[in-house]
Amino acid sequence: MAIVGLGYAGFGSDALDDWRQFGTGLVGLQAIERGNSLLAFRMDDRKQRIVIDRALGEGARFFGWEMADAAALDALAARLERAGVVVTTEPASLADARRVRGLISFHDPAGNRLEAFHGAEIDEAPFKPGRSISGFRTGPQGLGHAVLTVERIEPVMAFYTELLGFSLSDYIEKPFRAYFFHVNSRHHSLALIETGQNGMHHLMVELFSLDDVGQSYDVAMKEDRVNVTLGRHTNDLMTSFYAKSPSAFMVECGWGGLEIDPQNWTPVEMHEGPSLWGHERVWLSAEDRDVAREMRMRAAAEGRRAPVQVIEGNFKLMSGTCPWWDGVRDKN
C-alpha cells in the first residue's frame, strides 16, 4: 500500500490570469485551459500536475498521492478506515477531472484534503514549457515536494508516518521547527513547519538546469516576487529561491536536489540550520532571521561545503569526502 510519490496538487484561486502568467512566464510550466473556471499545468508527460480551480475558493487545496496500482489504493483505503479515518471513494467524474483511473479522498489532522490515486493519464503530445527551459525532474520522484504549516507537528507527523507510510528524512529545531519526509528517492516529498497555524507554505518544483533557476530568479526579481533569496539548503542540498505565487503561498524553484536511498537512510537532527548560504527568509520574524543569518555566517566562516558531484545534472552524495557533512549525518 506504499505511496510512491506526490502526483499532483490543486489550489483554489480566482486569479487565473495571474496564475497563467506566473506558471508559464516565471516557473516555465505549460498551461492547459479547462473551461472558464479551471487552469491546469503540465510539467512532463502527465496530462496535468498542478490545478488552479476558481470553484474551490481562495485558500482551498488538495494533494494527490500516487499509488502503484488499484490493489495498493484499496489497501490504503482499508488501512485508513480501520484507523477511523473517513475515506470517500470518488466518482468517475472527479477521477476523470484529475486525469487518473481510480481515486479516494480523506483529510489529515491539519484539515488538508488528501487524495490517493492510481493510473495517471499520459499525454501523447510532448510537454511544451511556457518559456525556454530544459524541463523538470519528475518521473519516479513525483511532482516535487509540498511544505505545510501546522499548529503542532507531532499529531500530523504521526498520521503521515504511521498511517500513510512516510519516512522521516531529517529535521531542524532552530531557527524554526521543520520535519522532512520521503516516500521515494527524493530527499523529501513533504515537510511540516510548526508555526501555530495550519496552512500552505510552499510547493517545490525541481528544474534540470541551474541556469533555468537563475533565469527564473531574474524574472521573479523583475516582477518583485522574490520571497526567499537564492540559496542552498543544508539537508537536500537544493539550490533554489522562493517566489510569491498569486495565492497565499510560495513556489520554490530549485536545482540539484539530493537523491537518497530510502532503504538505507537514517534521519538525524540538522544542527547547522536550514541553509548553507543565501535563502534570506522575509517571512520569518526579525529575531528568527537573525538566528538564521548567524548560522549562515558561521557556515561561511568555517568554510563548510556539501560533498557532492554532478551526475546527469543531479547531485549525488559522496560519503566520506567531507568531515563536516559526514559529521552531521553521524551525530545521531
C-alpha atoms as a PDB file:
ATOM      1  CA  MET A   1       0.000   0.000   0.000  1.00  0.00           C
ATOM      2  CA  ALA A   2       3.064   2.273  -0.154  1.00  0.00           C
ATOM      3  CA  ILE A   3       2.672   5.765  -1.587  1.00  0.00           C
ATOM      4  CA  VAL A   4       5.163   6.191  -4.420  1.00  0.00           C
ATOM      5  CA  GLY A   5       5.160   9.968  -4.900  1.00  0.00           C
ATOM      6  CA  LEU A   6       3.397  13.306  -4.974  1.00  0.00           C
ATOM      7  CA  GLY A   7       1.440  13.037  -8.207  1.00  0.00           C
ATOM      8  CA  TYR A   8      -0.385  16.362  -8.372  1.00  0.00           C
ATOM      9  CA  ALA A   9      -1.545  19.356  -6.366  1.00  0.00           C
ATOM     10  CA  GLY A  10      -4.503  21.714  -6.687  1.00  0.00           C
ATOM     11  CA  PHE A  11      -5.351  25.145  -5.308  1.00  0.00           C
ATOM     12  CA  GLY A  12      -8.403  27.346  -5.232  1.00  0.00           C
ATOM     13  CA  SER A  13      -7.981  30.828  -6.689  1.00  0.00           C
ATOM     14  CA  ASP A  14      -9.873  33.479  -8.629  1.00  0.00           C
ATOM     15  CA  ALA A  15      -6.642  34.800 -10.114  1.00  0.00           C
ATOM     16  CA  LEU A  16      -6.484  32.503 -13.133  1.00  0.00           C
ATOM     17  CA  ASP A  17      -4.878  35.114 -15.396  1.00  0.00           C
ATOM     18  CA  ASP A  18      -2.210  35.866 -12.815  1.00  0.00           C
ATOM     19  CA  TRP A  19      -1.582  32.171 -12.293  1.00  0.00           C
ATOM     20  CA  ARG A  20      -1.285  31.604 -16.043  1.00  0.00           C
ATOM     21  CA  GLN A  21       1.378  34.289 -16.332  1.00  0.00           C
ATOM     22  CA  PHE A  22       3.182  33.179 -13.189  1.00  0.00           C
ATOM     23  CA  GLY A  23       3.135  29.478 -14.082  1.00  0.00           C
ATOM     24  CA  THR A  24       4.290  29.873 -17.662  1.00  0.00           C
ATOM     25  CA  GLY A  25       6.385  33.042 -17.653  1.00  0.00           C
ATOM     26  CA  LEU A  26       8.238  32.563 -14.360  1.00  0.00           C
ATOM     27  CA  VAL A  27       8.174  28.855 -13.493  1.00  0.00           C
ATOM     28  CA  GLY A  28       8.088  27.529 -17.070  1.00  0.00           C
ATOM     29  CA  LEU A  29       5.017  25.273 -16.811  1.00  0.00           C
ATOM     30  CA  GLN A  30       2.714  24.530 -19.742  1.00  0.00           C
ATOM     31  CA  ALA A  31      -0.789  25.940 -19.288  1.00  0.00           C
ATOM     32  CA  ILE A  32      -3.793  23.836 -20.286  1.00  0.00           C
ATOM     33  CA  GLU A  33      -7.190  25.555 -20.384  1.00  0.00           C
ATOM     34  CA  ARG A  34     -10.060  23.571 -18.887  1.00  0.00           C
ATOM     35  CA  GLY A  35     -13.054  25.874 -19.247  1.00  0.00           C
ATOM     36  CA  ASN A  36     -13.678  29.232 -17.612  1.00  0.00           C
ATOM     37  CA  SER A  37     -13.058  28.200 -14.018  1.00  0.00           C
ATOM     38  CA  LEU A  38     -10.104  25.818 -14.159  1.00  0.00           C
ATOM     39  CA  LEU A  39      -6.498  26.125 -15.281  1.00  0.00           C
ATOM     40  CA  ALA A  40      -4.195  23.114 -15.369  1.00  0.00           C
ATOM     41  CA  PHE A  41      -0.423  22.962 -15.789  1.00  0.00           C
ATOM     42  CA  ARG A  42       1.756  20.269 -17.303  1.00  0.00           C
ATOM     43  CA  MET A  43       5.416  19.808 -16.415  1.00  0.00           C
ATOM     44  CA  ASP A  44       6.196  16.468 -18.076  1.00  0.00           C
ATOM     45  CA  ASP A  45       4.358  13.698 -19.962  1.00  0.00           C
ATOM     46  CA  ARG A  46       1.451  13.651 -17.473  1.00  0.00           C
ATOM     47  CA  LYS A  47      -1.760  15.348 -18.639  1.00  0.00           C
ATOM     48  CA  GLN A  48      -1.679  17.610 -15.595  1.00  0.00           C
ATOM     49  CA  ARG A  49       0.366  18.139 -12.459  1.00  0.00           C
ATOM     50  CA  ILE A  50      -0.940  21.389 -10.940  1.00  0.00           C
ATOM     51  CA  VAL A  51      -4.542  22.606 -10.983  1.00  0.00           C
ATOM     52  CA  ILE A  52      -5.886  26.081 -10.199  1.00  0.00           C
ATOM     53  CA  ASP A  53      -9.648  25.921  -9.678  1.00  0.00           C
ATOM     54  CA  ARG A  54     -11.796  29.041  -9.225  1.00  0.00           C
ATOM     55  CA  ALA A  55     -14.724  26.932  -7.975  1.00  0.00           C
ATOM     56  CA  LEU A  56     -12.779  25.730  -4.918  1.00  0.00           C
ATOM     57  CA  GLY A  57     -12.440  29.162  -3.357  1.00  0.00           C
ATOM     58  CA  GLU A  58      -9.323  31.016  -2.266  1.00  0.00           C
ATOM     59  CA  GLY A  59      -7.128  29.037   0.122  1.00  0.00           C
ATOM     60  CA  ALA A  60      -8.557  25.596  -0.638  1.00  0.00           C
ATOM     61  CA  ARG A  61      -6.008  22.958  -1.621  1.00  0.00           C
ATOM     62  CA  PHE A  62      -5.617  19.258  -2.317  1.00  0.00           C
ATOM     63  CA  PHE A  63      -2.673  16.926  -2.809  1.00  0.00           C
ATOM     64  CA  GLY A  64      -2.722  13.791  -4.947  1.00  0.00           C
ATOM     65  CA  TRP A  65      -0.523  10.975  -3.625  1.00  0.00           C
ATOM     66  CA  GLU A  66       0.203   8.255  -6.143  1.00  0.00           C
ATOM     67  CA  MET A  67      -0.207   4.519  -5.527  1.00  0.00           C
ATOM     68  CA  ALA A  68       1.338   1.776  -7.635  1.00  0.00           C
ATOM     69  CA  ASP A  69      -1.958   0.184  -8.689  1.00  0.00           C
ATOM     70  CA  ALA A  70      -5.613  -0.406  -7.783  1.00  0.00           C
ATOM     71  CA  ALA A  71      -4.757  -3.077  -5.214  1.00  0.00           C
ATOM     72  CA  ALA A  72      -2.438  -0.697  -3.375  1.00  0.00           C
ATOM     73  CA  LEU A  73      -5.114   2.004  -3.422  1.00  0.00           C
ATOM     74  CA  ASP A  74      -7.693  -0.393  -1.959  1.00  0.00           C
ATOM     75  CA  ALA A  75      -5.239  -1.500   0.742  1.00  0.00           C
ATOM     76  CA  LEU A  76      -4.596   2.117   1.742  1.00  0.00           C
ATOM     77  CA  ALA A  77      -8.320   2.852   1.935  1.00  0.00           C
ATOM     78  CA  ALA A  78      -8.865  -0.200   4.152  1.00  0.00           C
ATOM     79  CA  ARG A  79      -5.986   0.760   6.444  1.00  0.00           C
ATOM     80  CA  LEU A  80      -7.307   4.297   6.864  1.00  0.00           C
ATOM     81  CA  GLU A  81     -10.827   3.107   7.580  1.00  0.00           C
ATOM     82  CA  ARG A  82      -9.583   0.664  10.234  1.00  0.00           C
ATOM     83  CA  ALA A  83      -7.902   3.641  11.900  1.00  0.00           C
ATOM     84  CA  GLY A  84     -11.199   5.570  11.939  1.00  0.00           C
ATOM     85  CA  VAL A  85     -10.347   7.934   9.083  1.00  0.00           C
ATOM     86  CA  VAL A  86     -13.294   8.855   6.859  1.00  0.00           C
ATOM     87  CA  VAL A  87     -12.460   7.773   3.296  1.00  0.00           C
ATOM     88  CA  THR A  88     -14.511   8.691   0.226  1.00  0.00           C
ATOM     89  CA  THR A  89     -14.334   6.678  -2.966  1.00  0.00           C
ATOM     90  CA  GLU A  90     -14.617   9.458  -5.512  1.00  0.00           C
ATOM     91  CA  PRO A  91     -16.868   9.099  -8.583  1.00  0.00           C
ATOM     92  CA  ALA A  92     -15.501   8.538 -12.066  1.00  0.00           C
ATOM     93  CA  SER A  93     -16.317  12.153 -12.961  1.00  0.00           C
ATOM     94  CA  LEU A  94     -13.814  13.505 -10.428  1.00  0.00           C
ATOM     95  CA  ALA A  95     -11.236  10.861 -11.340  1.00  0.00           C
ATOM     96  CA  ASP A  96     -11.605  11.987 -14.956  1.00  0.00           C
ATOM     97  CA  ALA A  97     -11.107  15.604 -13.917  1.00  0.00           C
ATOM     98  CA  ARG A  98      -7.926  14.608 -12.049  1.00  0.00           C
ATOM     99  CA  ARG A  99      -6.832  12.613 -15.136  1.00  0.00           C
ATOM    100  CA  VAL A 100      -6.480   9.369 -13.170  1.00  0.00           C
ATOM    101  CA  ARG A 101      -8.112   5.946 -13.231  1.00  0.00           C
ATOM    102  CA  GLY A 102      -9.058   5.476  -9.561  1.00  0.00           C
ATOM    103  CA  LEU A 103      -9.372   7.984  -6.702  1.00  0.00           C
ATOM    104  CA  ILE A 104     -10.115   8.224  -2.989  1.00  0.00           C
ATOM    105  CA  SER A 105     -10.052  11.250  -0.675  1.00  0.00           C
ATOM    106  CA  PHE A 106      -9.609  11.905   3.051  1.00  0.00           C
ATOM    107  CA  HIS A 107      -8.166  14.597   5.358  1.00  0.00           C
ATOM    108  CA  ASP A 108      -5.080  14.822   7.531  1.00  0.00           C
ATOM    109  CA  PRO A 109      -5.287  16.119  11.137  1.00  0.00           C
ATOM    110  CA  ALA A 110      -4.473  19.659   9.953  1.00  0.00           C
ATOM    111  CA  GLY A 111      -7.503  19.672   7.653  1.00  0.00           C
ATOM    112  CA  ASN A 112      -5.656  19.276   4.356  1.00  0.00           C
ATOM    113  CA  ARG A 113      -7.596  17.416   1.692  1.00  0.00           C
ATOM    114  CA  LEU A 114      -5.548  14.435   0.550  1.00  0.00           C
ATOM    115  CA  GLU A 115      -6.289  12.303  -2.470  1.00  0.00           C
ATOM    116  CA  ALA A 116      -4.745   8.953  -3.316  1.00  0.00           C
ATOM    117  CA  PHE A 117      -4.919   7.622  -6.858  1.00  0.00           C
ATOM    118  CA  HIS A 118      -3.587   5.196  -9.391  1.00  0.00           C
ATOM    119  CA  GLY A 119      -3.398   5.199 -13.170  1.00  0.00           C
ATOM    120  CA  ALA A 120      -2.340   8.742 -14.065  1.00  0.00           C
ATOM    121  CA  GLU A 121      -3.069   9.614 -17.688  1.00  0.00           C
ATOM    122  CA  ILE A 122      -0.162  10.207 -20.058  1.00  0.00           C
ATOM    123  CA  ASP A 123      -0.420  12.813 -22.809  1.00  0.00           C
ATOM    124  CA  GLU A 124       0.697  11.740 -26.277  1.00  0.00           C
ATOM    125  CA  ALA A 125       1.674  15.322 -27.101  1.00  0.00           C
ATOM    126  CA  PRO A 126       5.137  16.329 -25.847  1.00  0.00           C
ATOM    127  CA  PHE A 127       5.500  18.762 -22.966  1.00  0.00           C
ATOM    128  CA  LYS A 128       5.861  22.356 -24.204  1.00  0.00           C
ATOM    129  CA  PRO A 129       7.245  24.656 -21.486  1.00  0.00           C
ATOM    130  CA  GLY A 130       5.852  28.136 -21.084  1.00  0.00           C
ATOM    131  CA  ARG A 131       9.313  29.586 -21.596  1.00  0.00           C
ATOM    132  CA  SER A 132      12.633  28.177 -22.769  1.00  0.00           C
ATOM    133  CA  ILE A 133      13.757  25.746 -20.043  1.00  0.00           C
ATOM    134  CA  SER A 134      15.376  22.314 -20.004  1.00  0.00           C
ATOM    135  CA  GLY A 135      12.464  20.700 -18.141  1.00  0.00           C
ATOM    136  CA  PHE A 136      11.536  19.425 -14.689  1.00  0.00           C
ATOM    137  CA  ARG A 137      12.824  16.492 -12.655  1.00  0.00           C
ATOM    138  CA  THR A 138       9.737  14.353 -12.007  1.00  0.00           C
ATOM    139  CA  GLY A 139       9.417  10.675 -13.040  1.00  0.00           C
ATOM    140  CA  PRO A 140       9.771   8.253 -10.100  1.00  0.00           C
ATOM    141  CA  GLN A 141      10.388  11.204  -7.746  1.00  0.00           C
ATOM    142  CA  GLY A 142       6.983  12.749  -8.417  1.00  0.00           C
ATOM    143  CA  LEU A 143       5.960  16.368  -8.909  1.00  0.00           C
ATOM    144  CA  GLY A 144       8.347  17.807  -6.313  1.00  0.00           C
ATOM    145  CA  HIS A 145       7.533  18.495  -2.681  1.00  0.00           C
ATOM    146  CA  ALA A 146       4.861  20.222  -0.626  1.00  0.00           C
ATOM    147  CA  VAL A 147       5.561  22.035   2.637  1.00  0.00           C
ATOM    148  CA  LEU A 148       2.701  22.631   5.055  1.00  0.00           C
ATOM    149  CA  THR A 149       2.480  24.803   8.137  1.00  0.00           C
ATOM    150  CA  VAL A 150       0.913  23.112  11.145  1.00  0.00           C
ATOM    151  CA  GLU A 151      -0.201  24.131  14.606  1.00  0.00           C
ATOM    152  CA  ARG A 152       1.731  21.221  16.147  1.00  0.00           C
ATOM    153  CA  ILE A 153       3.994  18.834  14.286  1.00  0.00           C
ATOM    154  CA  GLU A 154       3.572  15.666  16.368  1.00  0.00           C
ATOM    155  CA  PRO A 155      -0.060  14.660  15.577  1.00  0.00           C
ATOM    156  CA  VAL A 156       0.312  15.464  11.888  1.00  0.00           C
ATOM    157  CA  MET A 157       3.635  13.625  11.681  1.00  0.00           C
ATOM    158  CA  ALA A 158       2.098  10.541  13.298  1.00  0.00           C
ATOM    159  CA  PHE A 159      -0.650  10.491  10.671  1.00  0.00           C
ATOM    160  CA  TYR A 160       1.772  10.622   7.758  1.00  0.00           C
ATOM    161  CA  THR A 161       4.315   8.175   9.146  1.00  0.00           C
ATOM    162  CA  GLU A 162       2.110   5.639  10.924  1.00  0.00           C
ATOM    163  CA  LEU A 163      -0.881   5.567   8.566  1.00  0.00           C
ATOM    164  CA  LEU A 164       0.480   6.681   5.208  1.00  0.00           C
ATOM    165  CA  GLY A 165       3.953   5.161   5.446  1.00  0.00           C
ATOM    166  CA  PHE A 166       6.095   8.281   5.051  1.00  0.00           C
ATOM    167  CA  SER A 167       9.639   8.063   6.434  1.00  0.00           C
ATOM    168  CA  LEU A 168      11.471  10.826   8.279  1.00  0.00           C
ATOM    169  CA  SER A 169      14.468  12.191   6.358  1.00  0.00           C
ATOM    170  CA  ASP A 170      15.757  14.673   8.964  1.00  0.00           C
ATOM    171  CA  TYR A 171      14.606  17.665  10.985  1.00  0.00           C
ATOM    172  CA  ILE A 172      15.633  21.037  12.408  1.00  0.00           C
ATOM    173  CA  GLU A 173      14.638  22.762  15.646  1.00  0.00           C
ATOM    174  CA  LYS A 174      16.238  26.189  15.001  1.00  0.00           C
ATOM    175  CA  PRO A 175      15.543  28.858  13.804  1.00  0.00           C
ATOM    176  CA  PHE A 176      12.148  27.125  13.424  1.00  0.00           C
ATOM    177  CA  ARG A 177      10.852  23.555  13.762  1.00  0.00           C
ATOM    178  CA  ALA A 178      10.659  21.683  10.456  1.00  0.00           C
ATOM    179  CA  TYR A 179      10.433  17.938   9.743  1.00  0.00           C
ATOM    180  CA  PHE A 180      11.090  16.404   6.317  1.00  0.00           C
ATOM    181  CA  PHE A 181       9.641  13.138   4.967  1.00  0.00           C
ATOM    182  CA  HIS A 182      10.335  10.919   1.953  1.00  0.00           C
ATOM    183  CA  VAL A 183       8.375   8.288   0.037  1.00  0.00           C
ATOM    184  CA  ASN A 184      10.927   7.686  -2.737  1.00  0.00           C
ATOM    185  CA  SER A 185      14.482   8.752  -3.611  1.00  0.00           C
ATOM    186  CA  ARG A 186      13.650  12.471  -3.459  1.00  0.00           C
ATOM    187  CA  HIS A 187      15.038  13.717  -0.139  1.00  0.00           C
ATOM    188  CA  HIS A 188      11.571  14.888   0.858  1.00  0.00           C
ATOM    189  CA  SER A 189       8.177  14.944  -0.803  1.00  0.00           C
ATOM    190  CA  LEU A 190       6.567  16.503   2.261  1.00  0.00           C
ATOM    191  CA  ALA A 191       7.712  18.788   5.057  1.00  0.00           C
ATOM    192  CA  LEU A 192       5.926  20.209   8.090  1.00  0.00           C
ATOM    193  CA  ILE A 193       6.796  23.561   9.673  1.00  0.00           C
ATOM    194  CA  GLU A 194       5.408  24.301  13.128  1.00  0.00           C
ATOM    195  CA  THR A 195       4.022  27.842  13.110  1.00  0.00           C
ATOM    196  CA  GLY A 196       0.961  27.592  15.350  1.00  0.00           C
ATOM    197  CA  GLN A 197      -1.341  27.752  12.321  1.00  0.00           C
ATOM    198  CA  ASN A 198      -2.395  25.209   9.729  1.00  0.00           C
ATOM    199  CA  GLY A 199      -1.781  26.294   6.154  1.00  0.00           C
ATOM    200  CA  MET A 200       0.244  26.036   2.963  1.00  0.00           C
ATOM    201  CA  HIS A 201       3.854  27.200   2.982  1.00  0.00           C
ATOM    202  CA  HIS A 202       5.273  26.311  -0.447  1.00  0.00           C
ATOM    203  CA  LEU A 203       5.348  23.917  -3.365  1.00  0.00           C
ATOM    204  CA  MET A 204       8.735  22.962  -4.826  1.00  0.00           C
ATOM    205  CA  VAL A 205       9.475  22.144  -8.466  1.00  0.00           C
ATOM    206  CA  GLU A 206      12.943  20.982  -9.492  1.00  0.00           C
ATOM    207  CA  LEU A 207      14.428  22.001 -12.828  1.00  0.00           C
ATOM    208  CA  PHE A 208      17.110  20.201 -14.808  1.00  0.00           C
ATOM    209  CA  SER A 209      19.422  23.196 -15.110  1.00  0.00           C
ATOM    210  CA  LEU A 210      20.834  25.686 -12.625  1.00  0.00           C
ATOM    211  CA  ASP A 211      20.585  28.279 -15.400  1.00  0.00           C
ATOM    212  CA  ASP A 212      16.823  27.638 -15.549  1.00  0.00           C
ATOM    213  CA  VAL A 213      16.627  28.539 -11.861  1.00  0.00           C
ATOM    214  CA  GLY A 214      18.805  31.605 -12.313  1.00  0.00           C
ATOM    215  CA  GLN A 215      16.718  32.898 -15.190  1.00  0.00           C
ATOM    216  CA  SER A 216      13.518  32.279 -13.207  1.00  0.00           C
ATOM    217  CA  TYR A 217      15.144  34.252 -10.403  1.00  0.00           C
ATOM    218  CA  ASP A 218      15.752  37.173 -12.773  1.00  0.00           C
ATOM    219  CA  VAL A 219      12.079  37.091 -13.802  1.00  0.00           C
ATOM    220  CA  ALA A 220      10.995  36.962 -10.159  1.00  0.00           C
ATOM    221  CA  MET A 221      13.280  39.892  -9.292  1.00  0.00           C
ATOM    222  CA  LYS A 222      11.852  41.959 -12.142  1.00  0.00           C
ATOM    223  CA  GLU A 223       8.286  41.186 -11.043  1.00  0.00           C
ATOM    224  CA  ASP A 224       9.051  41.729  -7.326  1.00  0.00           C
ATOM    225  CA  ARG A 225       8.078  38.153  -6.472  1.00  0.00           C
ATOM    226  CA  VAL A 226      11.178  37.001  -4.568  1.00  0.00           C
ATOM    227  CA  ASN A 227      10.169  35.960  -1.039  1.00  0.00           C
ATOM    228  CA  VAL A 228      13.270  33.913  -0.199  1.00  0.00           C
ATOM    229  CA  THR A 229      16.514  34.806  -1.929  1.00  0.00           C
ATOM    230  CA  LEU A 230      18.704  32.395  -3.879  1.00  0.00           C
ATOM    231  CA  GLY A 231      20.493  29.940  -1.590  1.00  0.00           C
ATOM    232  CA  ARG A 232      21.388  26.324  -0.898  1.00  0.00           C
ATOM    233  CA  HIS A 233      19.808  24.021   1.666  1.00  0.00           C
ATOM    234  CA  THR A 234      21.855  22.001   4.123  1.00  0.00           C
ATOM    235  CA  ASN A 235      19.744  18.845   4.077  1.00  0.00           C
ATOM    236  CA  ASP A 236      18.624  18.187   0.491  1.00  0.00           C
ATOM    237  CA  LEU A 237      21.410  20.364  -0.990  1.00  0.00           C
ATOM    238  CA  MET A 238      18.903  22.113  -3.279  1.00  0.00           C
ATOM    239  CA  THR A 239      19.963  25.415  -4.822  1.00  0.00           C
ATOM    240  CA  SER A 240      16.772  27.428  -5.060  1.00  0.00           C
ATOM    241  CA  PHE A 241      14.747  30.544  -4.443  1.00  0.00           C
ATOM    242  CA  TYR A 242      11.114  31.040  -3.416  1.00  0.00           C
ATOM    243  CA  ALA A 243       8.671  33.152  -5.409  1.00  0.00           C
ATOM    244  CA  LYS A 244       5.419  34.676  -4.187  1.00  0.00           C
ATOM    245  CA  SER A 245       2.665  32.961  -6.147  1.00  0.00           C
ATOM    246  CA  PRO A 246      -0.665  34.656  -6.964  1.00  0.00           C
ATOM    247  CA  SER A 247      -2.071  32.765  -3.957  1.00  0.00           C
ATOM    248  CA  ALA A 248      -1.049  32.929  -0.295  1.00  0.00           C
ATOM    249  CA  PHE A 249       1.900  30.535  -0.585  1.00  0.00           C
ATOM    250  CA  MET A 250       5.249  30.346  -2.332  1.00  0.00           C
ATOM    251  CA  VAL A 251       6.639  28.260  -5.181  1.00  0.00           C
ATOM    252  CA  GLU A 252      10.235  27.119  -4.756  1.00  0.00           C
ATOM    253  CA  CYS A 253      12.207  26.764  -7.988  1.00  0.00           C
ATOM    254  CA  GLY A 254      15.223  24.546  -7.382  1.00  0.00           C
ATOM    255  CA  TRP A 255      18.016  22.507  -8.936  1.00  0.00           C
ATOM    256  CA  GLY A 256      20.346  19.740  -7.816  1.00  0.00           C
ATOM    257  CA  GLY A 257      18.347  18.070  -5.055  1.00  0.00           C
ATOM    258  CA  LEU A 258      19.949  15.205  -3.154  1.00  0.00           C
ATOM    259  CA  GLU A 259      18.823  11.731  -4.206  1.00  0.00           C
ATOM    260  CA  ILE A 260      18.755   9.278  -1.304  1.00  0.00           C
ATOM    261  CA  ASP A 261      18.498   5.516  -0.854  1.00  0.00           C
ATOM    262  CA  PRO A 262      15.189   5.206   1.037  1.00  0.00           C
ATOM    263  CA  GLN A 263      16.035   1.711   2.299  1.00  0.00           C
ATOM    264  CA  ASN A 264      19.308   2.786   3.922  1.00  0.00           C
ATOM    265  CA  TRP A 265      18.661   6.284   5.190  1.00  0.00           C
ATOM    266  CA  THR A 266      18.994   7.299   8.842  1.00  0.00           C
ATOM    267  CA  PRO A 267      17.218  10.503   9.955  1.00  0.00           C
ATOM    268  CA  VAL A 268      19.139  12.981  12.098  1.00  0.00           C
ATOM    269  CA  GLU A 269      18.682  16.433  13.555  1.00  0.00           C
ATOM    270  CA  MET A 270      20.398  19.061  11.404  1.00  0.00           C
ATOM    271  CA  HIS A 271      22.103  21.497  13.791  1.00  0.00           C
ATOM    272  CA  GLU A 272      23.583  23.735  11.103  1.00  0.00           C
ATOM    273  CA  GLY A 273      20.320  25.468  10.160  1.00  0.00           C
ATOM    274  CA  PRO A 274      18.236  25.180   7.011  1.00  0.00           C
ATOM    275  CA  SER A 275      20.677  26.775   4.526  1.00  0.00           C
ATOM    276  CA  LEU A 276      24.421  26.772   3.831  1.00  0.00           C
ATOM    277  CA  TRP A 277      24.194  30.220   2.253  1.00  0.00           C
ATOM    278  CA  GLY A 278      21.549  32.610   0.962  1.00  0.00           C
ATOM    279  CA  HIS A 279      17.837  31.947   1.474  1.00  0.00           C
ATOM    280  CA  GLU A 280      17.101  35.173   3.311  1.00  0.00           C
ATOM    281  CA  ARG A 281      13.565  34.473   4.532  1.00  0.00           C
ATOM    282  CA  VAL A 282      11.393  37.571   4.627  1.00  0.00           C
ATOM    283  CA  TRP A 283       8.550  35.562   6.163  1.00  0.00           C
ATOM    284  CA  LEU A 284      10.490  34.938   9.394  1.00  0.00           C
ATOM    285  CA  SER A 285      10.318  37.200  12.410  1.00  0.00           C
ATOM    286  CA  ALA A 286      13.227  39.617  12.795  1.00  0.00           C
ATOM    287  CA  GLU A 287      14.561  37.557  15.705  1.00  0.00           C
ATOM    288  CA  ASP A 288      14.459  34.268  13.777  1.00  0.00           C
ATOM    289  CA  ARG A 289      16.000  35.919  10.709  1.00  0.00           C
ATOM    290  CA  ASP A 290      18.922  36.996  12.876  1.00  0.00           C
ATOM    291  CA  VAL A 291      19.358  33.421  14.137  1.00  0.00           C
ATOM    292  CA  ALA A 292      19.275  32.030  10.592  1.00  0.00           C
ATOM    293  CA  ARG A 293      21.718  34.676   9.379  1.00  0.00           C
ATOM    294  CA  GLU A 294      24.118  33.882  12.222  1.00  0.00           C
ATOM    295  CA  MET A 295      24.022  30.186  11.263  1.00  0.00           C
ATOM    296  CA  ARG A 296      24.907  31.043   7.662  1.00  0.00           C
ATOM    297  CA  MET A 297      27.719  33.344   8.725  1.00  0.00           C
ATOM    298  CA  ARG A 298      29.128  30.540  10.869  1.00  0.00           C
ATOM    299  CA  ALA A 299      28.984  28.172   7.901  1.00  0.00           C
ATOM    300  CA  ALA A 300      30.850  30.736   5.787  1.00  0.00           C
ATOM    301  CA  ALA A 301      33.492  31.354   8.459  1.00  0.00           C
ATOM    302  CA  GLU A 302      34.125  27.628   8.798  1.00  0.00           C
ATOM    303  CA  GLY A 303      34.188  27.096   5.028  1.00  0.00           C
ATOM    304  CA  ARG A 304      31.509  24.437   5.066  1.00  0.00           C
ATOM    305  CA  ARG A 305      30.927  22.712   1.741  1.00  0.00           C
ATOM    306  CA  ALA A 306      28.488  19.995   0.764  1.00  0.00           C
ATOM    307  CA  PRO A 307      30.196  16.832  -0.562  1.00  0.00           C
ATOM    308  CA  VAL A 308      28.594  16.338  -3.940  1.00  0.00           C
ATOM    309  CA  GLN A 309      29.272  15.501  -7.518  1.00  0.00           C
ATOM    310  CA  VAL A 310      27.107  16.261 -10.521  1.00  0.00           C
ATOM    311  CA  ILE A 311      25.731  13.201 -12.299  1.00  0.00           C
ATOM    312  CA  GLU A 312      23.381  13.883 -15.220  1.00  0.00           C
ATOM    313  CA  GLY A 313      22.632  17.292 -13.786  1.00  0.00           C
ATOM    314  CA  ASN A 314      21.714  15.958 -10.347  1.00  0.00           C
ATOM    315  CA  PHE A 315      23.611  15.947  -7.063  1.00  0.00           C
ATOM    316  CA  LYS A 316      24.747  12.623  -5.598  1.00  0.00           C
ATOM    317  CA  LEU A 317      26.186  12.321  -2.107  1.00  0.00           C
ATOM    318  CA  MET A 318      29.868  11.383  -1.914  1.00  0.00           C
ATOM    319  CA  SER A 319      30.116   9.887   1.569  1.00  0.00           C
ATOM    320  CA  GLY A 320      33.450  10.188   3.319  1.00  0.00           C
ATOM    321  CA  THR A 321      34.664  13.217   1.386  1.00  0.00           C
ATOM    322  CA  CYS A 322      33.639  15.961   3.800  1.00  0.00           C
ATOM    323  CA  PRO A 323      34.104  15.663   7.577  1.00  0.00           C
ATOM    324  CA  TRP A 324      31.520  18.403   8.213  1.00  0.00           C
ATOM    325  CA  TRP A 325      28.655  16.733   6.329  1.00  0.00           C
ATOM    326  CA  ASP A 326      29.589  13.217   7.425  1.00  0.00           C
ATOM    327  CA  GLY A 327      29.655  14.523  10.983  1.00  0.00           C
ATOM    328  CA  VAL A 328      26.168  15.960  10.562  1.00  0.00           C
ATOM    329  CA  ARG A 329      24.861  12.603   9.335  1.00  0.00           C
ATOM    330  CA  ASP A 330      26.679  10.702  12.095  1.00  0.00           C
ATOM    331  CA  LYS A 331      25.592  12.840  15.055  1.00  0.00           C
ATOM    332  CA  ASN A 332      22.585  10.705  15.900  1.00  0.00           C
END
